[in-house]
Amino acid sequence: MRDDGGVDVINRGYSAAKDAWSEAQGKAYFVDSTDVGHLKVSFFGPFYASYVVFALDAQDYQYAFVTGYDRSYLWLLARTPAVSDDVVAQFIALSGQLGFDTDRLVFVEH
């Protein structure tokens, strides 16, 4: 948590082609209240994007299913490079129920 009521955000990924890690640090703020999974997130100064959490590992906070406010984005965010096949299946099923074209999903190799 940040002193200003926000949340520090760190997105980290590894590029096998470059044999290097990259990292982006940002900040997020709850749009409504802290018990509603709708945040505005910024990695680039005053520009914010909407993150709407539509499913969450509430036990251990190991993954979240996230979309943009207008549903133009869709992510399965995880703390580890790999998640179980069950989590992937849940993500695909729930995303499909919400109207996303799950045939267009891209899963990256880690």
Protein backbone atom coordinates (compact mmCIF):
# COMPACT_ATOMS: atom_id res chain seq x y z
CA MET A 1 0.00 0.00 0.00
CA ARG A 2 1.11 3.55 -0.71
CA ASP A 3 1.06 6.37 1.83
CA ASP A 4 -1.42 8.24 -0.39
CA GLY A 5 -4.00 5.41 -0.22
CA GLY A 6 -3.01 3.82 -3.50
CA VAL A 7 -1.30 0.55 -4.31
CA ASP A 8 2.19 0.10 -5.75
CA VAL A 9 2.13 -1.98 -8.93
CA ILE A 10 5.08 -3.86 -10.42
CA ASN A 11 4.76 -5.69 -13.73
CA ARG A 12 7.75 -7.86 -14.50
CA GLY A 13 8.46 -10.10 -17.46
CA TYR A 14 11.31 -12.04 -18.96
CA SER A 15 12.26 -11.96 -22.62
CA ALA A 16 13.97 -15.18 -23.67
CA ALA A 17 14.93 -13.56 -26.99
CA LYS A 18 16.77 -10.77 -25.17
CA ASP A 19 17.78 -12.95 -22.22
CA ALA A 20 16.70 -10.11 -19.95
CA TRP A 21 14.06 -9.07 -17.46
CA SER A 22 12.02 -5.92 -17.89
CA GLU A 23 9.99 -4.19 -15.24
CA ALA A 24 7.44 -1.42 -15.13
CA GLN A 25 6.54 0.29 -11.88
CA GLY A 26 3.24 2.04 -11.50
CA LYS A 27 0.55 3.04 -9.08
CA ALA A 28 -3.11 2.20 -8.72
CA TYR A 29 -6.04 3.77 -6.93
CA PHE A 30 -9.45 2.31 -6.14
CA VAL A 31 -12.17 3.98 -8.21
CA ASP A 32 -15.02 3.34 -5.79
CA SER A 33 -14.00 1.68 -2.54
CA THR A 34 -11.31 -0.74 -1.43
CA ASP A 35 -13.74 -3.67 -1.49
CA VAL A 36 -14.64 -3.18 -5.17
CA GLY A 37 -12.19 -4.54 -7.75
CA HIS A 38 -12.14 -1.47 -9.97
CA LEU A 39 -8.86 0.42 -10.05
CA LYS A 40 -7.28 3.12 -12.15
CA VAL A 41 -3.67 2.21 -12.90
CA SER A 42 -0.85 4.36 -14.22
CA PHE A 43 2.57 3.39 -15.50
CA PHE A 44 3.08 6.60 -17.49
CA GLY A 45 2.65 9.79 -15.50
CA PRO A 46 -0.82 11.29 -15.51
CA PHE A 47 -2.33 8.67 -17.84
CA TYR A 48 -4.53 6.03 -16.21
CA ALA A 49 -6.14 2.85 -17.47
CA SER A 50 -9.03 1.05 -15.87
CA TYR A 51 -8.48 -2.40 -14.35
CA VAL A 52 -11.69 -4.25 -13.51
CA VAL A 53 -11.03 -7.43 -11.52
CA PHE A 54 -13.76 -9.94 -12.36
CA ALA A 55 -12.24 -12.94 -10.56
CA LEU A 56 -9.58 -13.28 -7.90
CA ASP A 57 -7.77 -15.95 -5.94
CA ALA A 58 -9.17 -14.64 -2.67
CA GLN A 59 -7.34 -17.25 -0.59
CA ASP A 60 -3.71 -16.55 -1.56
CA TYR A 61 -3.96 -13.69 -4.11
CA GLN A 62 -1.90 -15.68 -6.63
CA TYR A 63 -3.89 -14.64 -9.72
CA ALA A 64 -6.55 -12.22 -10.93
CA PHE A 65 -8.72 -12.07 -14.04
CA VAL A 66 -8.79 -8.47 -15.26
CA THR A 67 -10.39 -6.50 -18.05
CA GLY A 68 -10.49 -2.87 -19.05
CA TYR A 69 -13.59 -0.80 -18.33
CA ASP A 70 -14.71 -1.01 -21.96
CA ARG A 71 -13.63 -4.67 -22.24
CA SER A 72 -11.01 -3.87 -24.86
CA TYR A 73 -8.37 -5.65 -22.77
CA LEU A 74 -8.29 -9.00 -21.02
CA TRP A 75 -5.56 -10.42 -18.79
CA LEU A 76 -4.87 -13.34 -16.54
CA LEU A 77 -2.38 -11.78 -14.11
CA ALA A 78 -0.37 -14.08 -11.84
CA ARG A 79 2.44 -13.86 -9.32
CA THR A 80 4.17 -16.87 -10.88
CA PRO A 81 5.20 -17.63 -14.47
CA ALA A 82 2.80 -20.57 -14.64
CA VAL A 83 -0.67 -21.25 -13.31
CA SER A 84 -2.51 -24.56 -13.15
CA ASP A 85 -4.56 -25.89 -16.04
CA ASP A 86 -7.62 -25.49 -13.79
CA VAL A 87 -7.00 -21.74 -13.43
CA VAL A 88 -6.57 -21.38 -17.20
CA ALA A 89 -9.79 -23.34 -17.77
CA GLN A 90 -11.64 -21.11 -15.28
CA PHE A 91 -10.26 -18.01 -16.99
CA ILE A 92 -11.38 -19.20 -20.43
CA ALA A 93 -14.82 -20.29 -19.23
CA LEU A 94 -15.58 -17.12 -17.26
CA SER A 95 -14.21 -14.86 -19.99
CA GLY A 96 -16.42 -16.64 -22.53
CA GLN A 97 -19.46 -16.25 -20.28
CA LEU A 98 -18.74 -12.52 -20.14
CA GLY A 99 -18.76 -12.29 -23.93
CA PHE A 100 -15.05 -12.29 -24.74
CA ASP A 101 -13.92 -14.10 -27.89
CA THR A 102 -11.77 -16.71 -26.18
CA ASP A 103 -10.53 -18.03 -29.55
CA ARG A 104 -8.41 -14.86 -29.74
CA LEU A 105 -6.64 -15.42 -26.39
CA VAL A 106 -2.84 -15.51 -26.47
CA PHE A 107 -0.96 -17.43 -23.80
CA VAL A 108 2.72 -16.62 -23.62
CA GLU A 109 5.48 -19.13 -22.98
CA HIS A 110 7.39 -18.57 -19.75
